[in-house]
PDB file of all heavy atoms in Angstrom:
ATOM      1  N   CYS A   1       0.867  -1.173   0.004  1.00  0.00           N
ATOM      2  CA  CYS A   1      -0.006   0.000  -0.014  1.00  0.00           C
ATOM      3  C   CYS A   1       0.911   1.223  -0.010  1.00  0.00           C
ATOM      4  O   CYS A   1       1.579   1.475   0.974  1.00  0.00           O
ATOM      5  CB  CYS A   1      -0.944   0.012   1.210  1.00  0.00           C
ATOM      6  SG  CYS A   1      -1.969   1.482   1.367  1.00  0.00           S
ATOM      7  N   ALA A   2       0.867   1.947  -1.104  1.00  0.00           N
ATOM      8  CA  ALA A   2       1.680   3.130  -1.262  1.00  0.00           C
ATOM      9  C   ALA A   2       0.863   4.388  -0.999  1.00  0.00           C
ATOM     10  O   ALA A   2      -0.227   4.521  -1.567  1.00  0.00           O
ATOM     11  CB  ALA A   2       2.316   3.189  -2.649  1.00  0.00           C
ATOM     12  N   ALA A   3       1.355   5.254  -0.201  1.00  0.00           N
ATOM     13  CA  ALA A   3       0.673   6.511   0.133  1.00  0.00           C
ATOM     14  C   ALA A   3       1.328   7.674  -0.573  1.00  0.00           C
ATOM     15  O   ALA A   3       2.560   7.789  -0.584  1.00  0.00           O
ATOM     16  CB  ALA A   3       0.706   6.747   1.667  1.00  0.00           C
ATOM     17  N   SER A   4       0.493   8.504  -1.146  1.00  0.00           N
ATOM     18  CA  SER A   4       0.951   9.767  -1.705  1.00  0.00           C
ATOM     19  C   SER A   4       0.555  10.881  -0.819  1.00  0.00           C
ATOM     20  O   SER A   4      -0.491  10.828  -0.135  1.00  0.00           O
ATOM     21  CB  SER A   4       0.394   9.972  -3.118  1.00  0.00           C
ATOM     22  OG  SER A   4      -1.006  10.044  -3.099  1.00  0.00           O
ATOM     23  N   GLY A   5       1.371  11.933  -0.786  1.00  0.00           N
ATOM     24  CA  GLY A   5       1.105  13.020   0.154  1.00  0.00           C
ATOM     25  C   GLY A   5       1.742  12.710   1.488  1.00  0.00           C
ATOM     26  O   GLY A   5       2.192  11.603   1.759  1.00  0.00           O
ATOM     27  N   SER A   6       1.769  13.688   2.353  1.00  0.00           N
ATOM     28  CA  SER A   6       2.369  13.533   3.653  1.00  0.00           C
ATOM     29  C   SER A   6       1.408  12.926   4.651  1.00  0.00           C
ATOM     30  O   SER A   6       0.293  13.416   4.858  1.00  0.00           O
ATOM     31  CB  SER A   6       2.838  14.908   4.165  1.00  0.00           C
ATOM     32  OG  SER A   6       3.397  14.798   5.474  1.00  0.00           O
ATOM     33  N   ILE A   7       1.860  11.838   5.289  1.00  0.00           N
ATOM     34  CA  ILE A   7       1.050  11.200   6.348  1.00  0.00           C
ATOM     35  C   ILE A   7       1.601  11.552   7.715  1.00  0.00           C
ATOM     36  O   ILE A   7       1.078  11.055   8.737  1.00  0.00           O
ATOM     37  CB  ILE A   7       1.000   9.672   6.181  1.00  0.00           C
ATOM     38  CG1 ILE A   7       2.405   9.038   6.292  1.00  0.00           C
ATOM     39  CG2 ILE A   7       0.349   9.301   4.863  1.00  0.00           C
ATOM     40  CD1 ILE A   7       2.383   7.520   6.268  1.00  0.00           C
ATOM     41  N   PHE A   8       2.653  12.376   7.760  1.00  0.00           N
ATOM     42  CA  PHE A   8       3.223  12.855   8.982  1.00  0.00           C
ATOM     43  C   PHE A   8       3.930  11.719   9.791  1.00  0.00           C
ATOM     44  O   PHE A   8       3.783  10.553   9.481  1.00  0.00           O
ATOM     45  CB  PHE A   8       2.198  13.591   9.826  1.00  0.00           C
ATOM     46  CG  PHE A   8       1.509  14.694   9.058  1.00  0.00           C
ATOM     47  CD1 PHE A   8       0.246  14.497   8.468  1.00  0.00           C
ATOM     48  CD2 PHE A   8       2.107  15.924   8.937  1.00  0.00           C
ATOM     49  CE1 PHE A   8      -0.367  15.501   7.737  1.00  0.00           C
ATOM     50  CE2 PHE A   8       1.497  16.959   8.213  1.00  0.00           C
ATOM     51  CZ  PHE A   8       0.243  16.700   7.639  1.00  0.00           C
ATOM     52  N   SER A   9       4.663  12.110  10.797  1.00  0.00           N
ATOM     53  CA  SER A   9       5.549  11.181  11.481  1.00  0.00           C
ATOM     54  C   SER A   9       4.840  10.357  12.546  1.00  0.00           C
ATOM     55  O   SER A   9       5.196   9.198  12.772  1.00  0.00           O
ATOM     56  CB  SER A   9       6.745  11.934  12.103  1.00  0.00           C
ATOM     57  OG  SER A   9       6.308  12.917  13.008  1.00  0.00           O
ATOM     58  N   ASN A  10       3.900  10.929  13.226  1.00  0.00           N
ATOM     59  CA  ASN A  10       3.193  10.238  14.334  1.00  0.00           C
ATOM     60  C   ASN A  10       1.886   9.634  13.753  1.00  0.00           C
ATOM     61  O   ASN A  10       0.851  10.286  13.710  1.00  0.00           O
ATOM     62  CB  ASN A  10       2.886  11.196  15.475  1.00  0.00           C
ATOM     63  CG  ASN A  10       2.352  10.469  16.703  1.00  0.00           C
ATOM     64  OD1 ASN A  10       2.523   9.292  16.851  1.00  0.00           O
ATOM     65  ND2 ASN A  10       1.667  11.218  17.542  1.00  0.00           N
ATOM     66  N   ASN A  11       1.967   8.369  13.347  1.00  0.00           N
ATOM     67  CA  ASN A  11       0.821   7.753  12.702  1.00  0.00           C
ATOM     68  C   ASN A  11       0.795   6.266  12.870  1.00  0.00           C
ATOM     69  O   ASN A  11       1.804   5.643  13.310  1.00  0.00           O
ATOM     70  CB  ASN A  11       0.792   8.104  11.218  1.00  0.00           C
ATOM     71  CG  ASN A  11       1.985   7.514  10.471  1.00  0.00           C
ATOM     72  OD1 ASN A  11       2.014   6.307  10.177  1.00  0.00           O
ATOM     73  ND2 ASN A  11       2.958   8.372  10.151  1.00  0.00           N
ATOM     74  N   VAL A  12      -0.310   5.682  12.565  1.00  0.00           N
ATOM     75  CA  VAL A  12      -0.467   4.234  12.526  1.00  0.00           C
ATOM     76  C   VAL A  12      -0.961   3.834  11.165  1.00  0.00           C
ATOM     77  O   VAL A  12      -1.942   4.398  10.646  1.00  0.00           O
ATOM     78  CB  VAL A  12      -1.491   3.738  13.594  1.00  0.00           C
ATOM     79  CG1 VAL A  12      -1.710   2.214  13.457  1.00  0.00           C
ATOM     80  CG2 VAL A  12      -0.973   4.073  15.007  1.00  0.00           C
ATOM     81  N   MET A  13      -0.312   2.841  10.519  1.00  0.00           N
ATOM     82  CA  MET A  13      -0.778   2.286   9.252  1.00  0.00           C
ATOM     83  C   MET A  13      -1.277   0.903   9.515  1.00  0.00           C
ATOM     84  O   MET A  13      -0.748   0.179  10.383  1.00  0.00           O
ATOM     85  CB  MET A  13       0.381   2.298   8.253  1.00  0.00           C
ATOM     86  CG  MET A  13       0.969   3.659   7.938  1.00  0.00           C
ATOM     87  SD  MET A  13       2.181   3.672   6.609  1.00  0.00           S
ATOM     88  CE  MET A  13       1.101   3.673   5.191  1.00  0.00           C
ATOM     89  N   GLY A  14      -2.314   0.510   8.816  1.00  0.00           N
ATOM     90  CA  GLY A  14      -2.871  -0.786   9.084  1.00  0.00           C
ATOM     91  C   GLY A  14      -3.525  -1.411   7.874  1.00  0.00           C
ATOM     92  O   GLY A  14      -3.681  -0.801   6.829  1.00  0.00           O
ATOM     93  N   TRP A  15      -3.887  -2.684   8.043  1.00  0.00           N
ATOM     94  CA  TRP A  15      -4.589  -3.470   7.077  1.00  0.00           C
ATOM     95  C   TRP A  15      -5.891  -3.986   7.704  1.00  0.00           C
ATOM     96  O   TRP A  15      -5.900  -4.482   8.824  1.00  0.00           O
ATOM     97  CB  TRP A  15      -3.783  -4.674   6.593  1.00  0.00           C
ATOM     98  CG  TRP A  15      -2.653  -4.284   5.712  1.00  0.00           C
ATOM     99  CD1 TRP A  15      -1.345  -4.090   6.063  1.00  0.00           C
ATOM    100  CD2 TRP A  15      -2.718  -4.052   4.287  1.00  0.00           C
ATOM    101  NE1 TRP A  15      -0.588  -3.755   4.933  1.00  0.00           N
ATOM    102  CE2 TRP A  15      -1.405  -3.729   3.853  1.00  0.00           C
ATOM    103  CE3 TRP A  15      -3.763  -4.114   3.339  1.00  0.00           C
ATOM    104  CZ2 TRP A  15      -1.120  -3.461   2.522  1.00  0.00           C
ATOM    105  CZ3 TRP A  15      -3.451  -3.825   2.012  1.00  0.00           C
ATOM    106  CH2 TRP A  15      -2.166  -3.512   1.615  1.00  0.00           C
ATOM    107  N   TYR A  16      -6.957  -3.818   6.954  1.00  0.00           N
ATOM    108  CA  TYR A  16      -8.260  -4.353   7.345  1.00  0.00           C
ATOM    109  C   TYR A  16      -8.725  -5.232   6.193  1.00  0.00           C
ATOM    110  O   TYR A  16      -8.255  -5.171   5.068  1.00  0.00           O
ATOM    111  CB  TYR A  16      -9.281  -3.239   7.559  1.00  0.00           C
ATOM    112  CG  TYR A  16      -9.007  -2.399   8.812  1.00  0.00           C
ATOM    113  CD1 TYR A  16      -7.922  -1.529   8.858  1.00  0.00           C
ATOM    114  CD2 TYR A  16      -9.826  -2.482   9.930  1.00  0.00           C
ATOM    115  CE1 TYR A  16      -7.666  -0.743   9.997  1.00  0.00           C
ATOM    116  CE2 TYR A  16      -9.592  -1.705  11.053  1.00  0.00           C
ATOM    117  CZ  TYR A  16      -8.497  -0.867  11.118  1.00  0.00           C
ATOM    118  OH  TYR A  16      -8.247  -0.112  12.206  1.00  0.00           O
ATOM    119  N   ARG A  17      -9.737  -6.101   6.478  1.00  0.00           N
ATOM    120  CA  ARG A  17     -10.305  -6.902   5.399  1.00  0.00           C
ATOM    121  C   ARG A  17     -11.800  -7.051   5.625  1.00  0.00           C
ATOM    122  O   ARG A  17     -12.319  -6.939   6.723  1.00  0.00           O
ATOM    123  CB  ARG A  17      -9.614  -8.328   5.366  1.00  0.00           C
ATOM    124  CG  ARG A  17      -9.882  -9.160   6.579  1.00  0.00           C
ATOM    125  CD  ARG A  17      -9.050 -10.444   6.495  1.00  0.00           C
ATOM    126  NE  ARG A  17      -9.315 -11.322   7.615  1.00  0.00           N
ATOM    127  CZ  ARG A  17      -8.627 -12.466   7.830  1.00  0.00           C
ATOM    128  NH1 ARG A  17      -7.655 -12.811   7.024  1.00  0.00           N
ATOM    129  NH2 ARG A  17      -8.925 -13.211   8.893  1.00  0.00           N
ATOM    130  N   GLN A  18     -12.466  -7.291   4.507  1.00  0.00           N
ATOM    131  CA  GLN A  18     -13.913  -7.458   4.512  1.00  0.00           C
ATOM    132  C   GLN A  18     -14.307  -8.527   3.527  1.00  0.00           C
ATOM    133  O   GLN A  18     -14.079  -8.407   2.321  1.00  0.00           O
ATOM    134  CB  GLN A  18     -14.623  -6.122   4.190  1.00  0.00           C
ATOM    135  CG  GLN A  18     -16.117  -6.178   4.346  1.00  0.00           C
ATOM    136  CD  GLN A  18     -16.770  -4.817   4.280  1.00  0.00           C
ATOM    137  OE1 GLN A  18     -16.184  -3.877   3.742  1.00  0.00           O
ATOM    138  NE2 GLN A  18     -17.956  -4.685   4.844  1.00  0.00           N
ATOM    139  N   ALA A  19     -14.900  -9.587   4.043  1.00  0.00           N
ATOM    140  CA  ALA A  19     -15.449 -10.662   3.251  1.00  0.00           C
ATOM    141  C   ALA A  19     -16.883 -10.361   2.889  1.00  0.00           C
ATOM    142  O   ALA A  19     -17.570  -9.606   3.601  1.00  0.00           O
ATOM    143  CB  ALA A  19     -15.340 -12.011   3.977  1.00  0.00           C
ATOM    144  N   PRO A  20     -17.410 -10.909   1.795  1.00  0.00           N
ATOM    145  CA  PRO A  20     -18.814 -10.695   1.442  1.00  0.00           C
ATOM    146  C   PRO A  20     -19.755 -11.001   2.573  1.00  0.00           C
ATOM    147  O   PRO A  20     -19.651 -12.093   3.170  1.00  0.00           O
ATOM    148  CB  PRO A  20     -19.019 -11.615   0.225  1.00  0.00           C
ATOM    149  CG  PRO A  20     -17.665 -11.770  -0.361  1.00  0.00           C
ATOM    150  CD  PRO A  20     -16.723 -11.777   0.813  1.00  0.00           C
ATOM    151  N   GLY A  21     -20.647 -10.105   2.872  1.00  0.00           N
ATOM    152  CA  GLY A  21     -21.632 -10.323   3.924  1.00  0.00           C
ATOM    153  C   GLY A  21     -21.099 -10.151   5.334  1.00  0.00           C
ATOM    154  O   GLY A  21     -21.825 -10.390   6.298  1.00  0.00           O
ATOM    155  N   LYS A  22     -19.840  -9.819   5.490  1.00  0.00           N
ATOM    156  CA  LYS A  22     -19.222  -9.673   6.743  1.00  0.00           C
ATOM    157  C   LYS A  22     -18.778  -8.227   7.025  1.00  0.00           C
ATOM    158  O   LYS A  22     -18.658  -7.398   6.114  1.00  0.00           O
ATOM    159  CB  LYS A  22     -17.977 -10.571   6.907  1.00  0.00           C
ATOM    160  CG  LYS A  22     -18.263 -12.052   6.674  1.00  0.00           C
ATOM    161  CD  LYS A  22     -19.154 -12.596   7.794  1.00  0.00           C
ATOM    162  CE  LYS A  22     -19.409 -14.089   7.588  1.00  0.00           C
ATOM    163  NZ  LYS A  22     -18.177 -14.895   7.674  1.00  0.00           N
ATOM    164  N   GLN A  23     -18.579  -7.883   8.312  1.00  0.00           N
ATOM    165  CA  GLN A  23     -18.098  -6.577   8.664  1.00  0.00           C
ATOM    166  C   GLN A  23     -16.599  -6.465   8.399  1.00  0.00           C
ATOM    167  O   GLN A  23     -15.865  -7.461   8.406  1.00  0.00           O
ATOM    168  CB  GLN A  23     -18.381  -6.293  10.160  1.00  0.00           C
ATOM    169  CG  GLN A  23     -19.826  -6.236  10.552  1.00  0.00           C
ATOM    170  CD  GLN A  23     -20.047  -5.922  12.013  1.00  0.00           C
ATOM    171  OE1 GLN A  23     -19.145  -6.110  12.842  1.00  0.00           O
ATOM    172  NE2 GLN A  23     -21.220  -5.394  12.328  1.00  0.00           N
ATOM    173  N   ARG A  24     -16.163  -5.251   8.157  1.00  0.00           N
ATOM    174  CA  ARG A  24     -14.758  -5.013   7.980  1.00  0.00           C
ATOM    175  C   ARG A  24     -14.041  -5.222   9.348  1.00  0.00           C
ATOM    176  O   ARG A  24     -14.553  -4.760  10.383  1.00  0.00           O
ATOM    177  CB  ARG A  24     -14.505  -3.606   7.475  1.00  0.00           C
ATOM    178  CG  ARG A  24     -13.059  -3.312   7.147  1.00  0.00           C
ATOM    179  CD  ARG A  24     -12.876  -1.942   6.506  1.00  0.00           C
ATOM    180  NE  ARG A  24     -13.647  -1.820   5.258  1.00  0.00           N
ATOM    181  CZ  ARG A  24     -13.536  -0.764   4.422  1.00  0.00           C
ATOM    182  NH1 ARG A  24     -12.741   0.219   4.713  1.00  0.00           N
ATOM    183  NH2 ARG A  24     -14.265  -0.748   3.329  1.00  0.00           N
ATOM    184  N   GLU A  25     -12.917  -5.919   9.330  1.00  0.00           N
ATOM    185  CA  GLU A  25     -12.238  -6.251  10.546  1.00  0.00           C
ATOM    186  C   GLU A  25     -10.770  -5.879  10.471  1.00  0.00           C
ATOM    187  O   GLU A  25     -10.146  -5.900   9.383  1.00  0.00           O
ATOM    188  CB  GLU A  25     -12.346  -7.761  10.899  1.00  0.00           C
ATOM    189  CG  GLU A  25     -11.684  -8.666   9.876  1.00  0.00           C
ATOM    190  CD  GLU A  25     -11.721 -10.148  10.289  1.00  0.00           C
ATOM    191  OE1 GLU A  25     -12.061 -10.439  11.444  1.00  0.00           O
ATOM    192  OE2 GLU A  25     -11.409 -10.998   9.425  1.00  0.00           O
ATOM    193  N   LEU A  26     -10.181  -5.575  11.600  1.00  0.00           N
ATOM    194  CA  LEU A  26      -8.780  -5.265  11.701  1.00  0.00           C
ATOM    195  C   LEU A  26      -7.930  -6.541  11.469  1.00  0.00           C
ATOM    196  O   LEU A  26      -8.242  -7.584  11.990  1.00  0.00           O
ATOM    197  CB  LEU A  26      -8.467  -4.676  13.089  1.00  0.00           C
ATOM    198  CG  LEU A  26      -7.010  -4.459  13.427  1.00  0.00           C
ATOM    199  CD1 LEU A  26      -6.431  -3.305  12.582  1.00  0.00           C
ATOM    200  CD2 LEU A  26      -6.827  -4.187  14.891  1.00  0.00           C
ATOM    201  N   VAL A  27      -6.924  -6.393  10.669  1.00  0.00           N
ATOM    202  CA  VAL A  27      -5.955  -7.489  10.417  1.00  0.00           C
ATOM    203  C   VAL A  27      -4.658  -7.224  11.187  1.00  0.00           C
ATOM    204  O   VAL A  27      -4.198  -8.055  11.966  1.00  0.00           O
ATOM    205  CB  VAL A  27      -5.668  -7.657   8.913  1.00  0.00           C
ATOM    206  CG1 VAL A  27      -4.585  -8.717   8.723  1.00  0.00           C
ATOM    207  CG2 VAL A  27      -6.955  -8.022   8.186  1.00  0.00           C
ATOM    208  N   ALA A  28      -4.073  -6.061  10.967  1.00  0.00           N
ATOM    209  CA  ALA A  28      -2.793  -5.733  11.609  1.00  0.00           C
ATOM    210  C   ALA A  28      -2.559  -4.240  11.539  1.00  0.00           C
ATOM    211  O   ALA A  28      -3.049  -3.557  10.601  1.00  0.00           O
ATOM    212  CB  ALA A  28      -1.625  -6.478  10.953  1.00  0.00           C
ATOM    213  N   THR A  29      -1.835  -3.685  12.493  1.00  0.00           N
ATOM    214  CA  THR A  29      -1.427  -2.309  12.473  1.00  0.00           C
ATOM    215  C   THR A  29       0.060  -2.193  12.825  1.00  0.00           C
ATOM    216  O   THR A  29       0.603  -3.065  13.497  1.00  0.00           O
ATOM    217  CB  THR A  29      -2.241  -1.455  13.461  1.00  0.00           C
ATOM    218  OG1 THR A  29      -2.030  -1.946  14.799  1.00  0.00           O
ATOM    219  CG2 THR A  29      -3.732  -1.501  13.133  1.00  0.00           C
ATOM    220  N   ILE A  30       0.640  -1.094  12.391  1.00  0.00           N
ATOM    221  CA  ILE A  30       2.040  -0.820  12.739  1.00  0.00           C
ATOM    222  C   ILE A  30       2.177   0.679  12.984  1.00  0.00           C
ATOM    223  O   ILE A  30       1.786   1.491  12.143  1.00  0.00           O
ATOM    224  CB  ILE A  30       3.024  -1.321  11.675  1.00  0.00           C
ATOM    225  CG1 ILE A  30       4.440  -1.053  12.106  1.00  0.00           C
ATOM    226  CG2 ILE A  30       2.694  -0.760  10.294  1.00  0.00           C
ATOM    227  CD1 ILE A  30       5.482  -1.798  11.248  1.00  0.00           C
ATOM    228  N   HIS A  31       2.682   1.014  14.143  1.00  0.00           N
ATOM    229  CA  HIS A  31       2.864   2.390  14.496  1.00  0.00           C
ATOM    230  C   HIS A  31       4.148   2.920  13.810  1.00  0.00           C
ATOM    231  O   HIS A  31       5.018   2.156  13.469  1.00  0.00           O
ATOM    232  CB  HIS A  31       3.017   2.506  16.037  1.00  0.00           C
ATOM    233  CG  HIS A  31       3.042   3.893  16.580  1.00  0.00           C
ATOM    234  ND1 HIS A  31       4.203   4.530  16.834  1.00  0.00           N
ATOM    235  CD2 HIS A  31       2.063   4.735  16.921  1.00  0.00           C
ATOM    236  CE1 HIS A  31       3.954   5.741  17.325  1.00  0.00           C
ATOM    237  NE2 HIS A  31       2.636   5.889  17.368  1.00  0.00           N
ATOM    238  N   SER A  32       4.226   4.228  13.677  1.00  0.00           N
ATOM    239  CA  SER A  32       5.417   4.835  13.088  1.00  0.00           C
ATOM    240  C   SER A  32       6.640   4.553  13.935  1.00  0.00           C
ATOM    241  O   SER A  32       7.760   4.603  13.411  1.00  0.00           O
ATOM    242  CB  SER A  32       5.229   6.330  12.926  1.00  0.00           C
ATOM    243  OG  SER A  32       4.768   6.949  14.119  1.00  0.00           O
ATOM    244  N   GLY A  33       6.437   4.259  15.241  1.00  0.00           N
ATOM    245  CA  GLY A  33       7.533   3.870  16.092  1.00  0.00           C
ATOM    246  C   GLY A  33       7.940   2.435  16.018  1.00  0.00           C
ATOM    247  O   GLY A  33       8.949   2.032  16.606  1.00  0.00           O
ATOM    248  N   GLY A  34       7.155   1.619  15.302  1.00  0.00           N
ATOM    249  CA  GLY A  34       7.495   0.222  15.042  1.00  0.00           C
ATOM    250  C   GLY A  34       6.646  -0.797  15.733  1.00  0.00           C
ATOM    251  O   GLY A  34       6.727  -1.975  15.381  1.00  0.00           O
ATOM    252  N   ASN A  35       5.883  -0.433  16.717  1.00  0.00           N
ATOM    253  CA  ASN A  35       5.038  -1.415  17.427  1.00  0.00           C
ATOM    254  C   ASN A  35       3.984  -1.944  16.504  1.00  0.00           C
ATOM    255  O   ASN A  35       3.366  -1.216  15.737  1.00  0.00           O
ATOM    256  CB  ASN A  35       4.376  -0.792  18.651  1.00  0.00           C
ATOM    257  CG  ASN A  35       5.378  -0.461  19.744  1.00  0.00           C
ATOM    258  OD1 ASN A  35       6.458  -1.077  19.866  1.00  0.00           O
ATOM    259  ND2 ASN A  35       5.078   0.491  20.611  1.00  0.00           N
ATOM    260  N   THR A  36       3.723  -3.248  16.617  1.00  0.00           N
ATOM    261  CA  THR A  36       2.738  -3.916  15.769  1.00  0.00           C
ATOM    262  C   THR A  36       1.638  -4.572  16.593  1.00  0.00           C
ATOM    263  O   THR A  36       1.812  -4.892  17.778  1.00  0.00           O
ATOM    264  CB  THR A  36       3.379  -5.018  14.886  1.00  0.00           C
ATOM    265  OG1 THR A  36       4.071  -5.956  15.730  1.00  0.00           O
ATOM    266  CG2 THR A  36       4.408  -4.391  13.948  1.00  0.00           C
ATOM    267  N   ASN A  37       0.516  -4.821  15.938  1.00  0.00           N
ATOM    268  CA  ASN A  37      -0.629  -5.452  16.562  1.00  0.00           C
ATOM    269  C   ASN A  37      -1.312  -6.280  15.519  1.00  0.00           C
ATOM    270  O   ASN A  37      -1.480  -5.859  14.358  1.00  0.00           O
ATOM    271  CB  ASN A  37      -1.604  -4.419  17.147  1.00  0.00           C
ATOM    272  CG  ASN A  37      -2.740  -5.065  17.892  1.00  0.00           C
ATOM    273  OD1 ASN A  37      -2.548  -5.895  18.766  1.00  0.00           O
ATOM    274  ND2 ASN A  37      -3.997  -4.697  17.568  1.00  0.00           N
ATOM    275  N   TYR A  38      -1.734  -7.503  15.890  1.00  0.00           N
ATOM    276  CA  TYR A  38      -2.380  -8.436  14.979  1.00  0.00           C
ATOM    277  C   TYR A  38      -3.663  -9.006  15.491  1.00  0.00           C
ATOM    278  O   TYR A  38      -3.811  -9.209  16.716  1.00  0.00           O
ATOM    279  CB  TYR A  38      -1.437  -9.611  14.653  1.00  0.00           C
ATOM    280  CG  TYR A  38      -0.161  -9.259  13.976  1.00  0.00           C
ATOM    281  CD1 TYR A  38       0.983  -8.972  14.724  1.00  0.00           C
ATOM    282  CD2 TYR A  38      -0.052  -9.210  12.579  1.00  0.00           C
ATOM    283  CE1 TYR A  38       2.185  -8.607  14.084  1.00  0.00           C
ATOM    284  CE2 TYR A  38       1.128  -8.865  11.956  1.00  0.00           C
ATOM    285  CZ  TYR A  38       2.239  -8.576  12.720  1.00  0.00           C
ATOM    286  OH  TYR A  38       3.415  -8.261  12.079  1.00  0.00           O
TER     287      TYR A  38
END
């Protein structure tokens, strides 16, 4: 996932997924400082 424009230094990037008929759910996140969550 490539971002254009400035997302600034203090941020969290993440992945979500949505299957047909289901709610969108969190898959994983990563903080700009490096901490991850799954």
